[in-house]
mmCIF file of all heavy atoms, coordinates in Angstrom:
data_MODEL
# 
_entry.id   MODEL 
# 
loop_
_atom_site.group_PDB 
_atom_site.id 
_atom_site.type_symbol 
_atom_site.label_atom_id 
_atom_site.label_alt_id 
_atom_site.label_comp_id 
_atom_site.label_asym_id 
_atom_site.label_entity_id 
_atom_site.label_seq_id 
_atom_site.pdbx_PDB_ins_code 
_atom_site.Cartn_x 
_atom_site.Cartn_y 
_atom_site.Cartn_z 
_atom_site.occupancy 
_atom_site.B_iso_or_equiv 
_atom_site.pdbx_formal_charge 
_atom_site.auth_seq_id 
_atom_site.auth_comp_id 
_atom_site.auth_asym_id 
_atom_site.auth_atom_id 
_atom_site.pdbx_PDB_model_num 
ATOM 1   N N   . GLU A 1 1  ? -94.845  127.447 130.921 1.00 0.00 ? 1  GLU A N   1 
ATOM 2   C CA  . GLU A 1 1  ? -95.082  128.702 130.190 1.00 0.00 ? 1  GLU A CA  1 
ATOM 3   C C   . GLU A 1 1  ? -96.123  128.479 129.095 1.00 0.00 ? 1  GLU A C   1 
ATOM 4   O O   . GLU A 1 1  ? -96.024  129.038 127.997 1.00 0.00 ? 1  GLU A O   1 
ATOM 5   C CB  . GLU A 1 1  ? -93.756  129.216 129.585 1.00 0.00 ? 1  GLU A CB  1 
ATOM 6   C CG  . GLU A 1 1  ? -92.691  129.533 130.598 1.00 0.00 ? 1  GLU A CG  1 
ATOM 7   C CD  . GLU A 1 1  ? -93.045  130.746 131.457 1.00 0.00 ? 1  GLU A CD  1 
ATOM 8   O OE1 . GLU A 1 1  ? -93.868  131.563 131.001 1.00 0.00 ? 1  GLU A OE1 1 
ATOM 9   O OE2 . GLU A 1 1  ? -92.495  130.861 132.570 1.00 0.00 ? 1  GLU A OE2 1 
ATOM 10  N N   . PHE A 1 2  ? -97.118  127.679 129.421 1.00 0.00 ? 2  PHE A N   1 
ATOM 11  C CA  . PHE A 1 2  ? -98.126  127.280 128.431 1.00 0.00 ? 2  PHE A CA  1 
ATOM 12  C C   . PHE A 1 2  ? -98.803  128.479 127.769 1.00 0.00 ? 2  PHE A C   1 
ATOM 13  O O   . PHE A 1 2  ? -99.115  128.455 126.583 1.00 0.00 ? 2  PHE A O   1 
ATOM 14  C CB  . PHE A 1 2  ? -99.176  126.384 129.104 1.00 0.00 ? 2  PHE A CB  1 
ATOM 15  C CG  . PHE A 1 2  ? -100.324 126.033 128.203 1.00 0.00 ? 2  PHE A CG  1 
ATOM 16  C CD1 . PHE A 1 2  ? -100.164 125.105 127.184 1.00 0.00 ? 2  PHE A CD1 1 
ATOM 17  C CD2 . PHE A 1 2  ? -101.567 126.632 128.367 1.00 0.00 ? 2  PHE A CD2 1 
ATOM 18  C CE1 . PHE A 1 2  ? -101.220 124.783 126.341 1.00 0.00 ? 2  PHE A CE1 1 
ATOM 19  C CE2 . PHE A 1 2  ? -102.630 126.315 127.538 1.00 0.00 ? 2  PHE A CE2 1 
ATOM 20  C CZ  . PHE A 1 2  ? -102.451 125.381 126.522 1.00 0.00 ? 2  PHE A CZ  1 
ATOM 21  N N   . LYS A 1 3  ? -99.034  129.561 128.518 1.00 0.00 ? 3  LYS A N   1 
ATOM 22  C CA  . LYS A 1 3  ? -99.734  130.731 127.974 1.00 0.00 ? 3  LYS A CA  1 
ATOM 23  C C   . LYS A 1 3  ? -99.041  131.299 126.741 1.00 0.00 ? 3  LYS A C   1 
ATOM 24  O O   . LYS A 1 3  ? -99.686  131.792 125.823 1.00 0.00 ? 3  LYS A O   1 
ATOM 25  C CB  . LYS A 1 3  ? -99.865  131.823 129.041 1.00 0.00 ? 3  LYS A CB  1 
ATOM 26  C CG  . LYS A 1 3  ? -100.910 131.521 130.095 1.00 0.00 ? 3  LYS A CG  1 
ATOM 27  C CD  . LYS A 1 3  ? -101.065 132.698 131.047 1.00 0.00 ? 3  LYS A CD  1 
ATOM 28  C CE  . LYS A 1 3  ? -102.161 132.415 132.071 1.00 0.00 ? 3  LYS A CE  1 
ATOM 29  N NZ  . LYS A 1 3  ? -102.337 133.557 133.014 1.00 0.00 ? 3  LYS A NZ  1 
ATOM 30  N N   . THR A 1 4  ? -97.726  131.224 126.730 1.00 0.00 ? 4  THR A N   1 
ATOM 31  C CA  . THR A 1 4  ? -96.963  131.739 125.592 1.00 0.00 ? 4  THR A CA  1 
ATOM 32  C C   . THR A 1 4  ? -97.005  130.778 124.408 1.00 0.00 ? 4  THR A C   1 
ATOM 33  O O   . THR A 1 4  ? -96.793  131.195 123.267 1.00 0.00 ? 4  THR A O   1 
ATOM 34  C CB  . THR A 1 4  ? -95.496  131.995 126.003 1.00 0.00 ? 4  THR A CB  1 
ATOM 35  O OG1 . THR A 1 4  ? -95.483  132.832 127.160 1.00 0.00 ? 4  THR A OG1 1 
ATOM 36  C CG2 . THR A 1 4  ? -94.704  132.672 124.900 1.00 0.00 ? 4  THR A CG2 1 
ATOM 37  N N   . PHE A 1 5  ? -97.304  129.498 124.683 1.00 0.00 ? 5  PHE A N   1 
ATOM 38  C CA  . PHE A 1 5  ? -97.285  128.483 123.633 1.00 0.00 ? 5  PHE A CA  1 
ATOM 39  C C   . PHE A 1 5  ? -98.610  127.703 123.612 1.00 0.00 ? 5  PHE A C   1 
ATOM 40  O O   . PHE A 1 5  ? -98.627  126.494 123.414 1.00 0.00 ? 5  PHE A O   1 
ATOM 41  C CB  . PHE A 1 5  ? -96.128  127.512 123.865 1.00 0.00 ? 5  PHE A CB  1 
ATOM 42  C CG  . PHE A 1 5  ? -94.775  128.165 123.899 1.00 0.00 ? 5  PHE A CG  1 
ATOM 43  C CD1 . PHE A 1 5  ? -94.226  128.608 125.097 1.00 0.00 ? 5  PHE A CD1 1 
ATOM 44  C CD2 . PHE A 1 5  ? -94.055  128.360 122.735 1.00 0.00 ? 5  PHE A CD2 1 
ATOM 45  C CE1 . PHE A 1 5  ? -92.976  129.213 125.140 1.00 0.00 ? 5  PHE A CE1 1 
ATOM 46  C CE2 . PHE A 1 5  ? -92.798  128.970 122.766 1.00 0.00 ? 5  PHE A CE2 1 
ATOM 47  C CZ  . PHE A 1 5  ? -92.261  129.400 123.971 1.00 0.00 ? 5  PHE A CZ  1 
ATOM 48  N N   . ALA A 1 6  ? -99.714  128.411 123.807 1.00 0.00 ? 6  ALA A N   1 
ATOM 49  C CA  . ALA A 1 6  ? -101.010 127.743 123.994 1.00 0.00 ? 6  ALA A CA  1 
ATOM 50  C C   . ALA A 1 6  ? -101.612 127.187 122.716 1.00 0.00 ? 6  ALA A C   1 
ATOM 51  O O   . ALA A 1 6  ? -102.431 126.269 122.764 1.00 0.00 ? 6  ALA A O   1 
ATOM 52  C CB  . ALA A 1 6  ? -102.003 128.711 124.646 1.00 0.00 ? 6  ALA A CB  1 
ATOM 53  N N   . ASN A 1 7  ? -101.212 127.710 121.563 1.00 0.00 ? 7  ASN A N   1 
ATOM 54  C CA  . ASN A 1 7  ? -101.882 127.346 120.315 1.00 0.00 ? 7  ASN A CA  1 
ATOM 55  C C   . ASN A 1 7  ? -101.074 126.342 119.501 1.00 0.00 ? 7  ASN A C   1 
ATOM 56  O O   . ASN A 1 7  ? -99.851  126.323 119.540 1.00 0.00 ? 7  ASN A O   1 
ATOM 57  C CB  . ASN A 1 7  ? -102.147 128.600 119.477 1.00 0.00 ? 7  ASN A CB  1 
ATOM 58  C CG  . ASN A 1 7  ? -103.056 129.575 120.200 1.00 0.00 ? 7  ASN A CG  1 
ATOM 59  O OD1 . ASN A 1 7  ? -103.993 129.168 120.880 1.00 0.00 ? 7  ASN A OD1 1 
ATOM 60  N ND2 . ASN A 1 7  ? -102.771 130.866 120.077 1.00 0.00 ? 7  ASN A ND2 1 
ATOM 61  N N   . ARG A 1 8  ? -101.803 125.530 118.752 1.00 0.00 ? 8  ARG A N   1 
ATOM 62  C CA  . ARG A 1 8  ? -101.181 124.530 117.885 1.00 0.00 ? 8  ARG A CA  1 
ATOM 63  C C   . ARG A 1 8  ? -101.094 125.046 116.460 1.00 0.00 ? 8  ARG A C   1 
ATOM 64  O O   . ARG A 1 8  ? -101.902 125.870 116.033 1.00 0.00 ? 8  ARG A O   1 
ATOM 65  C CB  . ARG A 1 8  ? -101.990 123.224 117.892 1.00 0.00 ? 8  ARG A CB  1 
ATOM 66  C CG  . ARG A 1 8  ? -101.964 122.484 119.199 1.00 0.00 ? 8  ARG A CG  1 
ATOM 67  C CD  . ARG A 1 8  ? -102.762 121.202 119.103 1.00 0.00 ? 8  ARG A CD  1 
ATOM 68  N NE  . ARG A 1 8  ? -102.180 120.267 118.145 1.00 0.00 ? 8  ARG A NE  1 
ATOM 69  C CZ  . ARG A 1 8  ? -102.747 119.115 117.794 1.00 0.00 ? 8  ARG A CZ  1 
ATOM 70  N NH1 . ARG A 1 8  ? -103.899 118.760 118.319 1.00 0.00 ? 8  ARG A NH1 1 
ATOM 71  N NH2 . ARG A 1 8  ? -102.168 118.318 116.925 1.00 0.00 ? 8  ARG A NH2 1 
ATOM 72  N N   . ASP A 1 9  ? -100.123 124.539 115.733 1.00 0.00 ? 9  ASP A N   1 
ATOM 73  C CA  . ASP A 1 9  ? -100.023 124.811 114.298 1.00 0.00 ? 9  ASP A CA  1 
ATOM 74  C C   . ASP A 1 9  ? -100.376 123.514 113.576 1.00 0.00 ? 9  ASP A C   1 
ATOM 75  O O   . ASP A 1 9  ? -99.684  122.509 113.717 1.00 0.00 ? 9  ASP A O   1 
ATOM 76  C CB  . ASP A 1 9  ? -98.594  125.250 113.942 1.00 0.00 ? 9  ASP A CB  1 
ATOM 77  C CG  . ASP A 1 9  ? -98.464  125.668 112.485 1.00 0.00 ? 9  ASP A CG  1 
ATOM 78  O OD1 . ASP A 1 9  ? -99.309  125.255 111.673 1.00 0.00 ? 9  ASP A OD1 1 
ATOM 79  O OD2 . ASP A 1 9  ? -97.526  126.406 112.165 1.00 0.00 ? 9  ASP A OD2 1 
ATOM 80  N N   . MET A 1 10 ? -101.467 123.541 112.810 1.00 0.00 ? 10 MET A N   1 
ATOM 81  C CA  . MET A 1 10 ? -101.942 122.334 112.147 1.00 0.00 ? 10 MET A CA  1 
ATOM 82  C C   . MET A 1 10 ? -101.361 122.167 110.742 1.00 0.00 ? 10 MET A C   1 
ATOM 83  O O   . MET A 1 10 ? -101.867 121.395 109.935 1.00 0.00 ? 10 MET A O   1 
ATOM 84  C CB  . MET A 1 10 ? -103.470 122.336 112.083 1.00 0.00 ? 10 MET A CB  1 
ATOM 85  C CG  . MET A 1 10 ? -104.142 122.427 113.449 1.00 0.00 ? 10 MET A CG  1 
ATOM 86  S SD  . MET A 1 10 ? -103.625 121.130 114.600 1.00 0.00 ? 10 MET A SD  1 
ATOM 87  C CE  . MET A 1 10 ? -104.298 119.675 113.794 1.00 0.00 ? 10 MET A CE  1 
ATOM 88  N N   . ILE A 1 11 ? -100.299 122.919 110.430 1.00 0.00 ? 11 ILE A N   1 
ATOM 89  C CA  . ILE A 1 11 ? -99.606  122.889 109.145 1.00 0.00 ? 11 ILE A CA  1 
ATOM 90  C C   . ILE A 1 11 ? -100.469 123.489 108.033 1.00 0.00 ? 11 ILE A C   1 
ATOM 91  O O   . ILE A 1 11 ? -100.057 124.392 107.327 1.00 0.00 ? 11 ILE A O   1 
ATOM 92  C CB  . ILE A 1 11 ? -99.139  121.459 108.765 1.00 0.00 ? 11 ILE A CB  1 
ATOM 93  C CG1 . ILE A 1 11 ? -98.320  120.871 109.920 1.00 0.00 ? 11 ILE A CG1 1 
ATOM 94  C CG2 . ILE A 1 11 ? -98.316  121.479 107.480 1.00 0.00 ? 11 ILE A CG2 1 
ATOM 95  C CD1 . ILE A 1 11 ? -97.119  121.675 110.332 1.00 0.00 ? 11 ILE A CD1 1 
ATOM 96  N N   . LEU A 1 12 ? -101.704 122.970 107.874 1.00 0.00 ? 12 LEU A N   1 
ATOM 97  C CA  . LEU A 1 12 ? -102.665 123.574 106.948 1.00 0.00 ? 12 LEU A CA  1 
ATOM 98  C C   . LEU A 1 12 ? -103.727 124.312 107.756 1.00 0.00 ? 12 LEU A C   1 
ATOM 99  O O   . LEU A 1 12 ? -104.174 123.809 108.789 1.00 0.00 ? 12 LEU A O   1 
ATOM 100 C CB  . LEU A 1 12 ? -103.332 122.511 106.079 1.00 0.00 ? 12 LEU A CB  1 
ATOM 101 C CG  . LEU A 1 12 ? -102.467 121.846 105.012 1.00 0.00 ? 12 LEU A CG  1 
ATOM 102 C CD1 . LEU A 1 12 ? -103.266 120.761 104.291 1.00 0.00 ? 12 LEU A CD1 1 
ATOM 103 C CD2 . LEU A 1 12 ? -101.955 122.854 104.006 1.00 0.00 ? 12 LEU A CD2 1 
ATOM 104 N N   . PRO A 1 13 ? -104.171 125.484 107.301 1.00 0.00 ? 13 PRO A N   1 
ATOM 105 C CA  . PRO A 1 13 ? -105.144 126.263 108.089 1.00 0.00 ? 13 PRO A CA  1 
ATOM 106 C C   . PRO A 1 13 ? -106.490 125.569 108.252 1.00 0.00 ? 13 PRO A C   1 
ATOM 107 O O   . PRO A 1 13 ? -107.244 125.901 109.158 1.00 0.00 ? 13 PRO A O   1 
ATOM 108 C CB  . PRO A 1 13 ? -105.286 127.558 107.282 1.00 0.00 ? 13 PRO A CB  1 
ATOM 109 C CG  . PRO A 1 13 ? -104.848 127.223 105.896 1.00 0.00 ? 13 PRO A CG  1 
ATOM 110 C CD  . PRO A 1 13 ? -103.787 126.176 106.057 1.00 0.00 ? 13 PRO A CD  1 
ATOM 111 N N   . ASP A 1 14 ? -106.781 124.593 107.371 1.00 0.00 ? 14 ASP A N   1 
ATOM 112 C CA  . ASP A 1 14 ? -108.055 123.860 107.481 1.00 0.00 ? 14 ASP A CA  1 
ATOM 113 C C   . ASP A 1 14 ? -107.819 122.372 107.721 1.00 0.00 ? 14 ASP A C   1 
ATOM 114 O O   . ASP A 1 14 ? -108.717 121.566 107.523 1.00 0.00 ? 14 ASP A O   1 
ATOM 115 C CB  . ASP A 1 14 ? -108.903 124.051 106.218 1.00 0.00 ? 14 ASP A CB  1 
ATOM 116 C CG  . ASP A 1 14 ? -108.170 123.629 104.941 1.00 0.00 ? 14 ASP A CG  1 
ATOM 117 O OD1 . ASP A 1 14 ? -107.031 123.140 105.051 1.00 0.00 ? 14 ASP A OD1 1 
ATOM 118 O OD2 . ASP A 1 14 ? -108.725 123.797 103.852 1.00 0.00 ? 14 ASP A OD2 1 
ATOM 119 N N   . ILE A 1 15 ? -106.600 122.025 108.142 1.00 0.00 ? 15 ILE A N   1 
ATOM 120 C CA  . ILE A 1 15 ? -106.146 120.640 108.359 1.00 0.00 ? 15 ILE A CA  1 
ATOM 121 C C   . ILE A 1 15 ? -106.572 119.692 107.235 1.00 0.00 ? 15 ILE A C   1 
ATOM 122 O O   . ILE A 1 15 ? -106.771 118.497 107.444 1.00 0.00 ? 15 ILE A O   1 
ATOM 123 C CB  . ILE A 1 15 ? -106.593 120.072 109.728 1.00 0.00 ? 15 ILE A CB  1 
ATOM 124 C CG1 . ILE A 1 15 ? -108.112 120.082 109.915 1.00 0.00 ? 15 ILE A CG1 1 
ATOM 125 C CG2 . ILE A 1 15 ? -105.905 120.789 110.844 1.00 0.00 ? 15 ILE A CG2 1 
ATOM 126 C CD1 . ILE A 1 15 ? -108.575 119.372 111.179 1.00 0.00 ? 15 ILE A CD1 1 
ATOM 127 N N   . GLY A 1 16 ? -106.697 120.235 106.019 1.00 0.00 ? 16 GLY A N   1 
ATOM 128 C CA  . GLY A 1 16 ? -107.032 119.406 104.866 1.00 0.00 ? 16 GLY A CA  1 
ATOM 129 C C   . GLY A 1 16 ? -108.501 119.075 104.734 1.00 0.00 ? 16 GLY A C   1 
ATOM 130 O O   . GLY A 1 16 ? -108.872 118.274 103.876 1.00 0.00 ? 16 GLY A O   1 
ATOM 131 N N   . ILE A 1 17 ? -109.357 119.673 105.581 1.00 0.00 ? 17 ILE A N   1 
ATOM 132 C CA  . ILE A 1 17 ? -110.805 119.442 105.502 1.00 0.00 ? 17 ILE A CA  1 
ATOM 133 C C   . ILE A 1 17 ? -111.441 120.688 104.889 1.00 0.00 ? 17 ILE A C   1 
ATOM 134 O O   . ILE A 1 17 ? -111.530 121.732 105.545 1.00 0.00 ? 17 ILE A O   1 
ATOM 135 C CB  . ILE A 1 17 ? -111.408 119.143 106.881 1.00 0.00 ? 17 ILE A CB  1 
ATOM 136 C CG1 . ILE A 1 17 ? -110.795 117.858 107.448 1.00 0.00 ? 17 ILE A CG1 1 
ATOM 137 C CG2 . ILE A 1 17 ? -112.927 119.020 106.805 1.00 0.00 ? 17 ILE A CG2 1 
ATOM 138 C CD1 . ILE A 1 17 ? -111.264 117.493 108.848 1.00 0.00 ? 17 ILE A CD1 1 
ATOM 139 N N   . PRO A 1 18 ? -111.875 120.627 103.629 1.00 0.00 ? 18 PRO A N   1 
ATOM 140 C CA  . PRO A 1 18 ? -112.296 121.823 102.901 1.00 0.00 ? 18 PRO A CA  1 
ATOM 141 C C   . PRO A 1 18 ? -113.710 122.298 103.239 1.00 0.00 ? 18 PRO A C   1 
ATOM 142 O O   . PRO A 1 18 ? -114.638 122.181 102.430 1.00 0.00 ? 18 PRO A O   1 
ATOM 143 C CB  . PRO A 1 18 ? -112.202 121.383 101.429 1.00 0.00 ? 18 PRO A CB  1 
ATOM 144 C CG  . PRO A 1 18 ? -112.479 119.919 101.466 1.00 0.00 ? 18 PRO A CG  1 
ATOM 145 C CD  . PRO A 1 18 ? -111.910 119.425 102.766 1.00 0.00 ? 18 PRO A CD  1 
ATOM 146 N N   . HIS A 1 19 ? -113.879 122.832 104.443 1.00 0.00 ? 19 HIS A N   1 
ATOM 147 C CA  . HIS A 1 19 ? -115.166 123.383 104.844 1.00 0.00 ? 19 HIS A CA  1 
ATOM 148 C C   . HIS A 1 19 ? -114.926 124.484 105.873 1.00 0.00 ? 19 HIS A C   1 
ATOM 149 O O   . HIS A 1 19 ? -114.088 124.324 106.774 1.00 0.00 ? 19 HIS A O   1 
ATOM 150 C CB  . HIS A 1 19 ? -116.065 122.291 105.431 1.00 0.00 ? 19 HIS A CB  1 
ATOM 151 C CG  . HIS A 1 19 ? -117.505 122.687 105.511 1.00 0.00 ? 19 HIS A CG  1 
ATOM 152 N ND1 . HIS A 1 19 ? -117.993 123.507 106.501 1.00 0.00 ? 19 HIS A ND1 1 
ATOM 153 C CD2 . HIS A 1 19 ? -118.570 122.378 104.715 1.00 0.00 ? 19 HIS A CD2 1 
ATOM 154 C CE1 . HIS A 1 19 ? -119.296 123.681 106.323 1.00 0.00 ? 19 HIS A CE1 1 
ATOM 155 N NE2 . HIS A 1 19 ? -119.672 123.016 105.249 1.00 0.00 ? 19 HIS A NE2 1 
ATOM 156 N N   . HIS A 1 20 ? -115.682 125.598 105.762 1.00 0.00 ? 20 HIS A N   1 
ATOM 157 C CA  . HIS A 1 20 ? -115.416 126.750 106.624 1.00 0.00 ? 20 HIS A CA  1 
ATOM 158 C C   . HIS A 1 20 ? -115.673 126.470 108.102 1.00 0.00 ? 20 HIS A C   1 
ATOM 159 O O   . HIS A 1 20 ? -115.080 127.103 108.975 1.00 0.00 ? 20 HIS A O   1 
ATOM 160 C CB  . HIS A 1 20 ? -116.258 127.954 106.164 1.00 0.00 ? 20 HIS A CB  1 
ATOM 161 C CG  . HIS A 1 20 ? -117.728 127.801 106.398 1.00 0.00 ? 20 HIS A CG  1 
ATOM 162 N ND1 . HIS A 1 20 ? -118.547 127.069 105.554 1.00 0.00 ? 20 HIS A ND1 1 
ATOM 163 C CD2 . HIS A 1 20 ? -118.541 128.269 107.392 1.00 0.00 ? 20 HIS A CD2 1 
ATOM 164 C CE1 . HIS A 1 20 ? -119.789 127.101 106.002 1.00 0.00 ? 20 HIS A CE1 1 
ATOM 165 N NE2 . HIS A 1 20 ? -119.812 127.814 107.117 1.00 0.00 ? 20 HIS A NE2 1 
ATOM 166 N N   . LEU A 1 21 ? -116.531 125.489 108.419 1.00 0.00 ? 21 LEU A N   1 
ATOM 167 C CA  . LEU A 1 21 ? -116.852 125.218 109.822 1.00 0.00 ? 21 LEU A CA  1 
ATOM 168 C C   . LEU A 1 21 ? -115.728 124.516 110.573 1.00 0.00 ? 21 LEU A C   1 
ATOM 169 O O   . LEU A 1 21 ? -115.724 124.504 111.804 1.00 0.00 ? 21 LEU A O   1 
ATOM 170 C CB  . LEU A 1 21 ? -118.133 124.387 109.935 1.00 0.00 ? 21 LEU A CB  1 
ATOM 171 C CG  . LEU A 1 21 ? -119.460 125.109 109.706 1.00 0.00 ? 21 LEU A CG  1 
ATOM 172 C CD1 . LEU A 1 21 ? -120.624 124.183 110.029 1.00 0.00 ? 21 LEU A CD1 1 
ATOM 173 C CD2 . LEU A 1 21 ? -119.547 126.381 110.537 1.00 0.00 ? 21 LEU A CD2 1 
ATOM 174 N N   . ILE A 1 22 ? -114.777 123.928 109.848 1.00 0.00 ? 22 ILE A N   1 
ATOM 175 C CA  . ILE A 1 22 ? -113.736 123.171 110.537 1.00 0.00 ? 22 ILE A CA  1 
ATOM 176 C C   . ILE A 1 22 ? -112.916 124.077 111.462 1.00 0.00 ? 22 ILE A C   1 
ATOM 177 O O   . ILE A 1 22 ? -112.317 123.609 112.443 1.00 0.00 ? 22 ILE A O   1 
ATOM 178 C CB  . ILE A 1 22 ? -112.804 122.448 109.527 1.00 0.00 ? 22 ILE A CB  1 
ATOM 179 C CG1 . ILE A 1 22 ? -112.002 121.342 110.238 1.00 0.00 ? 22 ILE A CG1 1 
ATOM 180 C CG2 . ILE A 1 22 ? -111.904 123.411 108.801 1.00 0.00 ? 22 ILE A CG2 1 
ATOM 181 C CD1 . ILE A 1 22 ? -112.841 120.259 110.872 1.00 0.00 ? 22 ILE A CD1 1 
ATOM 182 N N   . CYS A 1 23 ? -112.911 125.387 111.199 1.00 0.00 ? 23 CYS A N   1 
ATOM 183 C CA  . CYS A 1 23 ? -112.180 126.312 112.071 1.00 0.00 ? 23 CYS A CA  1 
ATOM 184 C C   . CYS A 1 23 ? -112.783 126.371 113.471 1.00 0.00 ? 23 CYS A C   1 
ATOM 185 O O   . CYS A 1 23 ? -112.165 126.887 114.405 1.00 0.00 ? 23 CYS A O   1 
ATOM 186 C CB  . CYS A 1 23 ? -112.130 127.702 111.459 1.00 0.00 ? 23 CYS A CB  1 
ATOM 187 S SG  . CYS A 1 23 ? -113.735 128.501 111.321 1.00 0.00 ? 23 CYS A SG  1 
ATOM 188 N N   . LYS A 1 24 ? -114.008 125.820 113.639 1.00 0.00 ? 24 LYS A N   1 
ATOM 189 C CA  . LYS A 1 24 ? -114.659 125.778 114.953 1.00 0.00 ? 24 LYS A CA  1 
ATOM 190 C C   . LYS A 1 24 ? -114.215 124.569 115.768 1.00 0.00 ? 24 LYS A C   1 
ATOM 191 O O   . LYS A 1 24 ? -114.574 124.439 116.942 1.00 0.00 ? 24 LYS A O   1 
ATOM 192 C CB  . LYS A 1 24 ? -116.182 125.722 114.789 1.00 0.00 ? 24 LYS A CB  1 
ATOM 193 C CG  . LYS A 1 24 ? -116.786 126.866 113.985 1.00 0.00 ? 24 LYS A CG  1 
ATOM 194 C CD  . LYS A 1 24 ? -116.830 128.145 114.780 1.00 0.00 ? 24 LYS A CD  1 
ATOM 195 C CE  . LYS A 1 24 ? -117.562 129.247 114.036 1.00 0.00 ? 24 LYS A CE  1 
ATOM 196 N NZ  . LYS A 1 24 ? -117.579 130.514 114.788 1.00 0.00 ? 24 LYS A NZ  1 
ATOM 197 N N   . ALA A 1 25 ? -113.448 123.665 115.145 1.00 0.00 ? 25 ALA A N   1 
ATOM 198 C CA  . ALA A 1 25 ? -112.988 122.463 115.844 1.00 0.00 ? 25 ALA A CA  1 
ATOM 199 C C   . ALA A 1 25 ? -111.915 122.822 116.861 1.00 0.00 ? 25 ALA A C   1 
ATOM 200 O O   . ALA A 1 25 ? -111.135 123.761 116.668 1.00 0.00 ? 25 ALA A O   1 
ATOM 201 C CB  . ALA A 1 25 ? -112.456 121.439 114.850 1.00 0.00 ? 25 ALA A CB  1 
ATOM 202 N N   . ILE A 1 26 ? -111.842 122.076 117.924 1.00 0.00 ? 26 ILE A N   1 
ATOM 203 C CA  . ILE A 1 26 ? -110.977 122.419 119.052 1.00 0.00 ? 26 ILE A CA  1 
ATOM 204 C C   . ILE A 1 26 ? -109.500 122.511 118.670 1.00 0.00 ? 26 ILE A C   1 
ATOM 205 O O   . ILE A 1 26 ? -108.781 123.372 119.168 1.00 0.00 ? 26 ILE A O   1 
ATOM 206 C CB  . ILE A 1 26 ? -111.178 121.411 120.218 1.00 0.00 ? 26 ILE A CB  1 
ATOM 207 C CG1 . ILE A 1 26 ? -110.415 121.889 121.455 1.00 0.00 ? 26 ILE A CG1 1 
ATOM 208 C CG2 . ILE A 1 26 ? -110.813 119.993 119.813 1.00 0.00 ? 26 ILE A CG2 1 
ATOM 209 C CD1 . ILE A 1 26 ? -110.733 121.094 122.700 1.00 0.00 ? 26 ILE A CD1 1 
# 
């Protein structure tokens, strides 16, 4: 049922890397 659970939660929205481009990371 991967489609229902396809996304990861990285705990922090920027995984602790303070730059707006990090949201483009896989």
